[in-house]
Amino acid sequence: MIEVLIDSVRVSLMSQHRIVVLREEGGVRYLPIWIGPFEADAITIQLQGIEVSRPMTHDLLRELIETLDGEVSHVIISDLQNDTFYAKIVLEVRGGTVEIDSRPSDAVALAVRMDAPIYVADDVMEKAGMEPEEELSLVDDDEDGPMGQGGVAVAEDEDLDVFRDFIEGLDIDN
Protein backbone atom coordinates (compact mmCIF):
# COMPACT_ATOMS: atom_id res chain seq x y z
CA MET A 1 0.00 0.00 0.00
CA ILE A 2 1.14 3.50 -0.83
CA GLU A 3 0.14 6.37 1.44
CA VAL A 4 -1.21 9.38 -0.42
CA LEU A 5 -2.25 12.91 0.43
CA ILE A 6 -4.96 14.99 -1.18
CA ASP A 7 -3.11 17.26 -3.56
CA SER A 8 -6.15 19.08 -4.89
CA VAL A 9 -9.77 18.94 -5.94
CA ARG A 10 -10.17 20.38 -9.43
CA VAL A 11 -13.14 21.62 -11.43
CA SER A 12 -13.20 21.76 -15.20
CA LEU A 13 -14.30 25.16 -16.46
CA MET A 14 -15.62 23.56 -19.64
CA SER A 15 -17.74 20.74 -18.23
CA GLN A 16 -17.95 21.22 -14.45
CA HIS A 17 -16.58 17.70 -13.90
CA ARG A 18 -14.54 17.23 -10.74
CA ILE A 19 -11.40 15.28 -10.05
CA VAL A 20 -9.58 14.60 -6.81
CA VAL A 21 -5.83 14.39 -7.26
CA LEU A 22 -4.01 12.20 -4.75
CA ARG A 23 -0.24 12.57 -4.44
CA GLU A 24 2.10 9.83 -3.28
CA GLU A 25 3.55 10.87 0.07
CA GLY A 26 7.27 11.33 -0.35
CA GLY A 27 7.03 10.48 -4.04
CA VAL A 28 6.26 12.04 -7.39
CA ARG A 29 3.28 10.01 -8.59
CA TYR A 30 -0.22 11.41 -8.72
CA LEU A 31 -3.51 9.53 -8.95
CA PRO A 32 -6.39 11.49 -10.53
CA ILE A 33 -9.88 10.15 -9.78
CA TRP A 34 -13.10 11.52 -11.28
CA ILE A 35 -15.65 12.27 -8.56
CA GLY A 36 -19.13 13.72 -8.32
CA PRO A 37 -19.82 17.36 -7.49
CA PHE A 38 -21.36 16.64 -4.09
CA GLU A 39 -18.42 14.51 -2.98
CA ALA A 40 -16.00 17.15 -4.29
CA ASP A 41 -17.83 19.76 -2.22
CA ALA A 42 -17.81 17.49 0.84
CA ILE A 43 -14.04 17.01 0.59
CA THR A 44 -13.34 20.68 -0.11
CA ILE A 45 -15.59 21.96 2.70
CA GLN A 46 -13.75 19.82 5.24
CA LEU A 47 -10.28 20.65 3.91
CA GLN A 48 -11.05 24.36 4.05
CA GLY A 49 -12.55 24.13 7.55
CA ILE A 50 -15.90 25.58 6.48
CA GLU A 51 -18.66 25.25 9.06
CA VAL A 52 -22.03 24.05 7.76
CA SER A 53 -25.29 24.65 9.58
CA ARG A 54 -26.48 21.04 9.32
CA PRO A 55 -24.47 17.81 9.11
CA MET A 56 -23.64 16.55 5.66
CA THR A 57 -23.86 12.83 4.86
CA HIS A 58 -20.17 12.23 5.62
CA ASP A 59 -20.55 14.10 8.92
CA LEU A 60 -23.44 11.77 9.74
CA LEU A 61 -21.27 8.74 8.97
CA ARG A 62 -18.52 10.10 11.24
CA GLU A 63 -21.04 10.62 14.07
CA LEU A 64 -22.43 7.10 13.64
CA ILE A 65 -18.99 5.52 13.72
CA GLU A 66 -17.93 7.54 16.78
CA THR A 67 -21.23 6.90 18.60
CA LEU A 68 -20.71 3.17 18.12
CA ASP A 69 -17.16 3.52 19.54
CA GLY A 70 -15.66 2.80 16.16
CA GLU A 71 -12.73 4.40 14.42
CA VAL A 72 -11.69 4.68 10.79
CA SER A 73 -8.28 3.00 10.72
CA HIS A 74 -7.64 3.99 7.10
CA VAL A 75 -9.16 4.01 3.65
CA ILE A 76 -7.67 2.36 0.61
CA ILE A 77 -8.22 2.83 -3.07
CA SER A 78 -8.16 -0.92 -3.55
CA ASP A 79 -8.89 -1.72 -7.17
CA LEU A 80 -9.32 -0.42 -10.69
CA GLN A 81 -11.54 -2.34 -13.08
CA ASN A 82 -12.88 -1.11 -16.42
CA ASP A 83 -11.84 2.49 -15.61
CA THR A 84 -13.74 2.37 -12.29
CA PHE A 85 -11.91 2.81 -9.00
CA TYR A 86 -12.96 0.86 -5.91
CA ALA A 87 -12.24 1.69 -2.29
CA LYS A 88 -12.58 0.23 1.18
CA ILE A 89 -13.13 1.95 4.48
CA VAL A 90 -11.32 0.00 7.20
CA LEU A 91 -12.97 0.36 10.60
CA GLU A 92 -11.83 -0.74 14.04
CA VAL A 93 -14.99 -1.73 15.92
CA ARG A 94 -15.26 -3.62 19.22
CA GLY A 95 -11.71 -4.94 18.94
CA GLY A 96 -12.16 -6.20 15.41
CA THR A 97 -11.53 -4.91 11.92
CA VAL A 98 -14.33 -4.38 9.41
CA GLU A 99 -13.82 -3.50 5.73
CA ILE A 100 -16.65 -1.69 3.98
CA ASP A 101 -16.90 -1.35 0.21
CA SER A 102 -17.08 2.29 -0.84
CA ARG A 103 -16.74 4.66 -3.73
CA PRO A 104 -13.33 6.36 -3.51
CA SER A 105 -14.93 9.79 -3.24
CA ASP A 106 -16.97 8.80 -0.18
CA ALA A 107 -13.99 7.06 1.41
CA VAL A 108 -11.81 10.15 0.94
CA ALA A 109 -14.56 12.48 2.24
CA LEU A 110 -14.87 10.33 5.37
CA ALA A 111 -11.08 10.04 5.79
CA VAL A 112 -10.64 13.82 5.87
CA ARG A 113 -13.32 14.07 8.56
CA MET A 114 -11.76 11.31 10.67
CA ASP A 115 -8.10 12.30 10.11
CA ALA A 116 -7.55 8.80 8.73
CA PRO A 117 -4.72 7.97 6.34
CA ILE A 118 -5.49 7.28 2.69
CA TYR A 119 -3.70 4.49 0.85
CA VAL A 120 -3.62 3.26 -2.73
CA ALA A 121 -2.98 -0.38 -3.59
CA ASP A 122 0.36 -0.86 -5.34
CA ASP A 123 -1.21 -2.32 -8.49
CA VAL A 124 -3.72 0.54 -8.74
CA MET A 125 -0.91 3.11 -8.56
CA GLU A 126 1.03 1.11 -11.16
CA LYS A 127 -1.97 1.11 -13.53
CA ALA A 128 -3.24 4.66 -13.07
CA GLY A 129 -0.55 6.68 -11.29
CA MET A 130 1.01 9.49 -13.26
CA GLU A 131 4.48 10.96 -13.01
CA PRO A 132 4.27 14.42 -14.61
CA GLU A 133 7.92 14.44 -15.64
CA GLU A 134 7.57 11.10 -17.43
CA GLU A 135 3.93 11.12 -18.53
CA LEU A 136 3.95 14.59 -20.03
CA SER A 137 6.29 15.94 -22.63
CA LEU A 138 6.51 19.59 -23.48
CA VAL A 139 5.71 20.59 -27.02
CA ASP A 140 6.89 24.02 -28.10
CA ASP A 141 5.13 25.07 -31.27
CA ASP A 142 6.52 28.58 -31.51
CA GLU A 143 9.79 30.39 -30.99
CA ASP A 144 9.09 31.81 -27.53
CA GLY A 145 11.12 29.06 -25.89
CA PRO A 146 9.98 26.09 -23.81
CA MET A 147 6.31 26.43 -22.92
CA GLY A 148 6.16 29.89 -24.48
CA GLN A 149 2.92 31.45 -25.72
CA GLY A 150 2.03 28.37 -27.77
CA GLY A 151 3.57 25.62 -25.61
CA VAL A 152 1.22 22.80 -24.65
CA ALA A 153 1.62 19.84 -22.30
CA VAL A 154 0.82 16.67 -24.25
CA ALA A 155 0.30 13.19 -22.80
CA GLU A 156 2.41 10.54 -24.46
CA ASP A 157 0.03 7.66 -23.68
CA GLU A 158 -3.17 7.46 -25.73
CA ASP A 159 -5.02 5.95 -22.73
CA LEU A 160 -4.52 9.25 -20.89
CA ASP A 161 -6.37 11.31 -23.52
CA VAL A 162 -9.48 11.66 -21.36
CA PHE A 163 -7.42 12.94 -18.41
CA ARG A 164 -5.41 15.26 -20.67
CA ASP A 165 -8.60 16.75 -22.13
CA PHE A 166 -9.98 17.25 -18.65
CA ILE A 167 -6.79 18.72 -17.19
CA GLU A 168 -6.38 21.13 -20.10
CA GLY A 169 -9.79 22.59 -19.22
CA LEU A 170 -8.93 23.17 -15.55
CA ASP A 171 -8.43 26.56 -13.97
CA ILE A 172 -5.05 25.77 -12.44
CA ASP A 173 -4.37 29.31 -11.24
CA ASN A 174 -7.03 29.10 -8.51
C-alpha atoms as a PDB file:
ATOM      1  CA  MET A   1       0.000   0.000   0.000  1.00  0.00           C
ATOM      2  CA  ILE A   2       1.144   3.498  -0.830  1.00  0.00           C
ATOM      3  CA  GLU A   3       0.140   6.370   1.444  1.00  0.00           C
ATOM      4  CA  VAL A   4      -1.214   9.384  -0.419  1.00  0.00           C
ATOM      5  CA  LEU A   5      -2.252  12.915   0.430  1.00  0.00           C
ATOM      6  CA  ILE A   6      -4.958  14.986  -1.180  1.00  0.00           C
ATOM      7  CA  ASP A   7      -3.106  17.258  -3.563  1.00  0.00           C
ATOM      8  CA  SER A   8      -6.151  19.076  -4.892  1.00  0.00           C
ATOM      9  CA  VAL A   9      -9.771  18.941  -5.940  1.00  0.00           C
ATOM     10  CA  ARG A  10     -10.172  20.379  -9.431  1.00  0.00           C
ATOM     11  CA  VAL A  11     -13.137  21.625 -11.426  1.00  0.00           C
ATOM     12  CA  SER A  12     -13.203  21.761 -15.197  1.00  0.00           C
ATOM     13  CA  LEU A  13     -14.302  25.159 -16.464  1.00  0.00           C
ATOM     14  CA  MET A  14     -15.621  23.561 -19.641  1.00  0.00           C
ATOM     15  CA  SER A  15     -17.745  20.736 -18.229  1.00  0.00           C
ATOM     16  CA  GLN A  16     -17.953  21.216 -14.445  1.00  0.00           C
ATOM     17  CA  HIS A  17     -16.577  17.696 -13.903  1.00  0.00           C
ATOM     18  CA  ARG A  18     -14.538  17.235 -10.744  1.00  0.00           C
ATOM     19  CA  ILE A  19     -11.404  15.279 -10.045  1.00  0.00           C
ATOM     20  CA  VAL A  20      -9.576  14.604  -6.806  1.00  0.00           C
ATOM     21  CA  VAL A  21      -5.832  14.393  -7.256  1.00  0.00           C
ATOM     22  CA  LEU A  22      -4.010  12.203  -4.755  1.00  0.00           C
ATOM     23  CA  ARG A  23      -0.236  12.575  -4.438  1.00  0.00           C
ATOM     24  CA  GLU A  24       2.101   9.826  -3.276  1.00  0.00           C
ATOM     25  CA  GLU A  25       3.552  10.875   0.070  1.00  0.00           C
ATOM     26  CA  GLY A  26       7.273  11.335  -0.353  1.00  0.00           C
ATOM     27  CA  GLY A  27       7.027  10.485  -4.039  1.00  0.00           C
ATOM     28  CA  VAL A  28       6.265  12.044  -7.386  1.00  0.00           C
ATOM     29  CA  ARG A  29       3.278  10.013  -8.585  1.00  0.00           C
ATOM     30  CA  TYR A  30      -0.225  11.410  -8.719  1.00  0.00           C
ATOM     31  CA  LEU A  31      -3.509   9.533  -8.948  1.00  0.00           C
ATOM     32  CA  PRO A  32      -6.386  11.490 -10.527  1.00  0.00           C
ATOM     33  CA  ILE A  33      -9.884  10.150  -9.785  1.00  0.00           C
ATOM     34  CA  TRP A  34     -13.097  11.519 -11.283  1.00  0.00           C
ATOM     35  CA  ILE A  35     -15.654  12.268  -8.560  1.00  0.00           C
ATOM     36  CA  GLY A  36     -19.133  13.721  -8.319  1.00  0.00           C
ATOM     37  CA  PRO A  37     -19.816  17.364  -7.491  1.00  0.00           C
ATOM     38  CA  PHE A  38     -21.364  16.638  -4.088  1.00  0.00           C
ATOM     39  CA  GLU A  39     -18.422  14.514  -2.984  1.00  0.00           C
ATOM     40  CA  ALA A  40     -15.998  17.152  -4.288  1.00  0.00           C
ATOM     41  CA  ASP A  41     -17.827  19.756  -2.225  1.00  0.00           C
ATOM     42  CA  ALA A  42     -17.805  17.486   0.841  1.00  0.00           C
ATOM     43  CA  ILE A  43     -14.036  17.006   0.590  1.00  0.00           C
ATOM     44  CA  THR A  44     -13.341  20.681  -0.105  1.00  0.00           C
ATOM     45  CA  ILE A  45     -15.587  21.962   2.697  1.00  0.00           C
ATOM     46  CA  GLN A  46     -13.749  19.821   5.238  1.00  0.00           C
ATOM     47  CA  LEU A  47     -10.276  20.652   3.914  1.00  0.00           C
ATOM     48  CA  GLN A  48     -11.050  24.362   4.047  1.00  0.00           C
ATOM     49  CA  GLY A  49     -12.549  24.129   7.553  1.00  0.00           C
ATOM     50  CA  ILE A  50     -15.901  25.577   6.477  1.00  0.00           C
ATOM     51  CA  GLU A  51     -18.662  25.245   9.060  1.00  0.00           C
ATOM     52  CA  VAL A  52     -22.026  24.045   7.756  1.00  0.00           C
ATOM     53  CA  SER A  53     -25.293  24.650   9.582  1.00  0.00           C
ATOM     54  CA  ARG A  54     -26.478  21.036   9.320  1.00  0.00           C
ATOM     55  CA  PRO A  55     -24.470  17.812   9.113  1.00  0.00           C
ATOM     56  CA  MET A  56     -23.637  16.548   5.655  1.00  0.00           C
ATOM     57  CA  THR A  57     -23.857  12.833   4.857  1.00  0.00           C
ATOM     58  CA  HIS A  58     -20.171  12.228   5.617  1.00  0.00           C
ATOM     59  CA  ASP A  59     -20.551  14.102   8.919  1.00  0.00           C
ATOM     60  CA  LEU A  60     -23.437  11.773   9.745  1.00  0.00           C
ATOM     61  CA  LEU A  61     -21.269   8.739   8.972  1.00  0.00           C
ATOM     62  CA  ARG A  62     -18.525  10.104  11.238  1.00  0.00           C
ATOM     63  CA  GLU A  63     -21.039  10.618  14.069  1.00  0.00           C
ATOM     64  CA  LEU A  64     -22.430   7.095  13.643  1.00  0.00           C
ATOM     65  CA  ILE A  65     -18.986   5.524  13.722  1.00  0.00           C
ATOM     66  CA  GLU A  66     -17.925   7.542  16.776  1.00  0.00           C
ATOM     67  CA  THR A  67     -21.229   6.902  18.602  1.00  0.00           C
ATOM     68  CA  LEU A  68     -20.708   3.172  18.117  1.00  0.00           C
ATOM     69  CA  ASP A  69     -17.160   3.523  19.542  1.00  0.00           C
ATOM     70  CA  GLY A  70     -15.659   2.804  16.161  1.00  0.00           C
ATOM     71  CA  GLU A  71     -12.730   4.398  14.418  1.00  0.00           C
ATOM     72  CA  VAL A  72     -11.686   4.680  10.791  1.00  0.00           C
ATOM     73  CA  SER A  73      -8.280   3.004  10.721  1.00  0.00           C
ATOM     74  CA  HIS A  74      -7.637   3.993   7.099  1.00  0.00           C
ATOM     75  CA  VAL A  75      -9.160   4.005   3.654  1.00  0.00           C
ATOM     76  CA  ILE A  76      -7.669   2.357   0.612  1.00  0.00           C
ATOM     77  CA  ILE A  77      -8.220   2.828  -3.072  1.00  0.00           C
ATOM     78  CA  SER A  78      -8.158  -0.920  -3.546  1.00  0.00           C
ATOM     79  CA  ASP A  79      -8.894  -1.724  -7.166  1.00  0.00           C
ATOM     80  CA  LEU A  80      -9.317  -0.421 -10.690  1.00  0.00           C
ATOM     81  CA  GLN A  81     -11.538  -2.340 -13.083  1.00  0.00           C
ATOM     82  CA  ASN A  82     -12.878  -1.107 -16.421  1.00  0.00           C
ATOM     83  CA  ASP A  83     -11.844   2.486 -15.608  1.00  0.00           C
ATOM     84  CA  THR A  84     -13.741   2.369 -12.291  1.00  0.00           C
ATOM     85  CA  PHE A  85     -11.907   2.807  -9.004  1.00  0.00           C
ATOM     86  CA  TYR A  86     -12.961   0.858  -5.915  1.00  0.00           C
ATOM     87  CA  ALA A  87     -12.239   1.686  -2.291  1.00  0.00           C
ATOM     88  CA  LYS A  88     -12.580   0.230   1.181  1.00  0.00           C
ATOM     89  CA  ILE A  89     -13.126   1.954   4.481  1.00  0.00           C
ATOM     90  CA  VAL A  90     -11.324  -0.003   7.202  1.00  0.00           C
ATOM     91  CA  LEU A  91     -12.975   0.356  10.604  1.00  0.00           C
ATOM     92  CA  GLU A  92     -11.832  -0.737  14.043  1.00  0.00           C
ATOM     93  CA  VAL A  93     -14.990  -1.735  15.922  1.00  0.00           C
ATOM     94  CA  ARG A  94     -15.257  -3.619  19.224  1.00  0.00           C
ATOM     95  CA  GLY A  95     -11.714  -4.942  18.943  1.00  0.00           C
ATOM     96  CA  GLY A  96     -12.160  -6.201  15.409  1.00  0.00           C
ATOM     97  CA  THR A  97     -11.533  -4.913  11.924  1.00  0.00           C
ATOM     98  CA  VAL A  98     -14.325  -4.380   9.410  1.00  0.00           C
ATOM     99  CA  GLU A  99     -13.823  -3.497   5.734  1.00  0.00           C
ATOM    100  CA  ILE A 100     -16.651  -1.688   3.984  1.00  0.00           C
ATOM    101  CA  ASP A 101     -16.904  -1.354   0.208  1.00  0.00           C
ATOM    102  CA  SER A 102     -17.076   2.294  -0.844  1.00  0.00           C
ATOM    103  CA  ARG A 103     -16.737   4.661  -3.728  1.00  0.00           C
ATOM    104  CA  PRO A 104     -13.326   6.362  -3.508  1.00  0.00           C
ATOM    105  CA  SER A 105     -14.926   9.794  -3.239  1.00  0.00           C
ATOM    106  CA  ASP A 106     -16.969   8.799  -0.181  1.00  0.00           C
ATOM    107  CA  ALA A 107     -13.992   7.058   1.415  1.00  0.00           C
ATOM    108  CA  VAL A 108     -11.812  10.149   0.939  1.00  0.00           C
ATOM    109  CA  ALA A 109     -14.558  12.479   2.236  1.00  0.00           C
ATOM    110  CA  LEU A 110     -14.869  10.334   5.370  1.00  0.00           C
ATOM    111  CA  ALA A 111     -11.084  10.035   5.785  1.00  0.00           C
ATOM    112  CA  VAL A 112     -10.637  13.817   5.869  1.00  0.00           C
ATOM    113  CA  ARG A 113     -13.320  14.065   8.563  1.00  0.00           C
ATOM    114  CA  MET A 114     -11.764  11.315  10.666  1.00  0.00           C
ATOM    115  CA  ASP A 115      -8.100  12.296  10.108  1.00  0.00           C
ATOM    116  CA  ALA A 116      -7.548   8.797   8.726  1.00  0.00           C
ATOM    117  CA  PRO A 117      -4.723   7.967   6.342  1.00  0.00           C
ATOM    118  CA  ILE A 118      -5.491   7.275   2.693  1.00  0.00           C
ATOM    119  CA  TYR A 119      -3.696   4.489   0.851  1.00  0.00           C
ATOM    120  CA  VAL A 120      -3.617   3.260  -2.727  1.00  0.00           C
ATOM    121  CA  ALA A 121      -2.981  -0.383  -3.589  1.00  0.00           C
ATOM    122  CA  ASP A 122       0.363  -0.864  -5.335  1.00  0.00           C
ATOM    123  CA  ASP A 123      -1.207  -2.322  -8.490  1.00  0.00           C
ATOM    124  CA  VAL A 124      -3.716   0.543  -8.739  1.00  0.00           C
ATOM    125  CA  MET A 125      -0.909   3.110  -8.560  1.00  0.00           C
ATOM    126  CA  GLU A 126       1.035   1.114 -11.162  1.00  0.00           C
ATOM    127  CA  LYS A 127      -1.973   1.109 -13.527  1.00  0.00           C
ATOM    128  CA  ALA A 128      -3.237   4.658 -13.074  1.00  0.00           C
ATOM    129  CA  GLY A 129      -0.552   6.677 -11.290  1.00  0.00           C
ATOM    130  CA  MET A 130       1.009   9.495 -13.264  1.00  0.00           C
ATOM    131  CA  GLU A 131       4.482  10.964 -13.006  1.00  0.00           C
ATOM    132  CA  PRO A 132       4.268  14.416 -14.608  1.00  0.00           C
ATOM    133  CA  GLU A 133       7.923  14.440 -15.637  1.00  0.00           C
ATOM    134  CA  GLU A 134       7.571  11.104 -17.428  1.00  0.00           C
ATOM    135  CA  GLU A 135       3.932  11.122 -18.533  1.00  0.00           C
ATOM    136  CA  LEU A 136       3.949  14.589 -20.030  1.00  0.00           C
ATOM    137  CA  SER A 137       6.287  15.940 -22.626  1.00  0.00           C
ATOM    138  CA  LEU A 138       6.514  19.594 -23.475  1.00  0.00           C
ATOM    139  CA  VAL A 139       5.709  20.587 -27.017  1.00  0.00           C
ATOM    140  CA  ASP A 140       6.895  24.016 -28.105  1.00  0.00           C
ATOM    141  CA  ASP A 141       5.131  25.070 -31.273  1.00  0.00           C
ATOM    142  CA  ASP A 142       6.520  28.581 -31.507  1.00  0.00           C
ATOM    143  CA  GLU A 143       9.789  30.388 -30.993  1.00  0.00           C
ATOM    144  CA  ASP A 144       9.088  31.812 -27.528  1.00  0.00           C
ATOM    145  CA  GLY A 145      11.122  29.058 -25.893  1.00  0.00           C
ATOM    146  CA  PRO A 146       9.976  26.094 -23.807  1.00  0.00           C
ATOM    147  CA  MET A 147       6.305  26.434 -22.917  1.00  0.00           C
ATOM    148  CA  GLY A 148       6.159  29.891 -24.477  1.00  0.00           C
ATOM    149  CA  GLN A 149       2.925  31.446 -25.715  1.00  0.00           C
ATOM    150  CA  GLY A 150       2.030  28.368 -27.766  1.00  0.00           C
ATOM    151  CA  GLY A 151       3.573  25.625 -25.607  1.00  0.00           C
ATOM    152  CA  VAL A 152       1.221  22.800 -24.651  1.00  0.00           C
ATOM    153  CA  ALA A 153       1.621  19.843 -22.303  1.00  0.00           C
ATOM    154  CA  VAL A 154       0.821  16.672 -24.248  1.00  0.00           C
ATOM    155  CA  ALA A 155       0.298  13.186 -22.804  1.00  0.00           C
ATOM    156  CA  GLU A 156       2.412  10.535 -24.461  1.00  0.00           C
ATOM    157  CA  ASP A 157       0.029   7.663 -23.683  1.00  0.00           C
ATOM    158  CA  GLU A 158      -3.166   7.456 -25.726  1.00  0.00           C
ATOM    159  CA  ASP A 159      -5.020   5.955 -22.730  1.00  0.00           C
ATOM    160  CA  LEU A 160      -4.517   9.246 -20.893  1.00  0.00           C
ATOM    161  CA  ASP A 161      -6.371  11.310 -23.516  1.00  0.00           C
ATOM    162  CA  VAL A 162      -9.478  11.655 -21.359  1.00  0.00           C
ATOM    163  CA  PHE A 163      -7.421  12.944 -18.414  1.00  0.00           C
ATOM    164  CA  ARG A 164      -5.414  15.257 -20.669  1.00  0.00           C
ATOM    165  CA  ASP A 165      -8.603  16.754 -22.135  1.00  0.00           C
ATOM    166  CA  PHE A 166      -9.983  17.251 -18.647  1.00  0.00           C
ATOM    167  CA  ILE A 167      -6.792  18.716 -17.193  1.00  0.00           C
ATOM    168  CA  GLU A 168      -6.376  21.126 -20.100  1.00  0.00           C
ATOM    169  CA  GLY A 169      -9.795  22.595 -19.219  1.00  0.00           C
ATOM    170  CA  LEU A 170      -8.933  23.167 -15.553  1.00  0.00           C
ATOM    171  CA  ASP A 171      -8.432  26.559 -13.975  1.00  0.00           C
ATOM    172  CA  ILE A 172      -5.052  25.773 -12.437  1.00  0.00           C
ATOM    173  CA  ASP A 173      -4.367  29.312 -11.238  1.00  0.00           C
ATOM    174  CA  ASN A 174      -7.034  29.097  -8.512  1.00  0.00           C
END
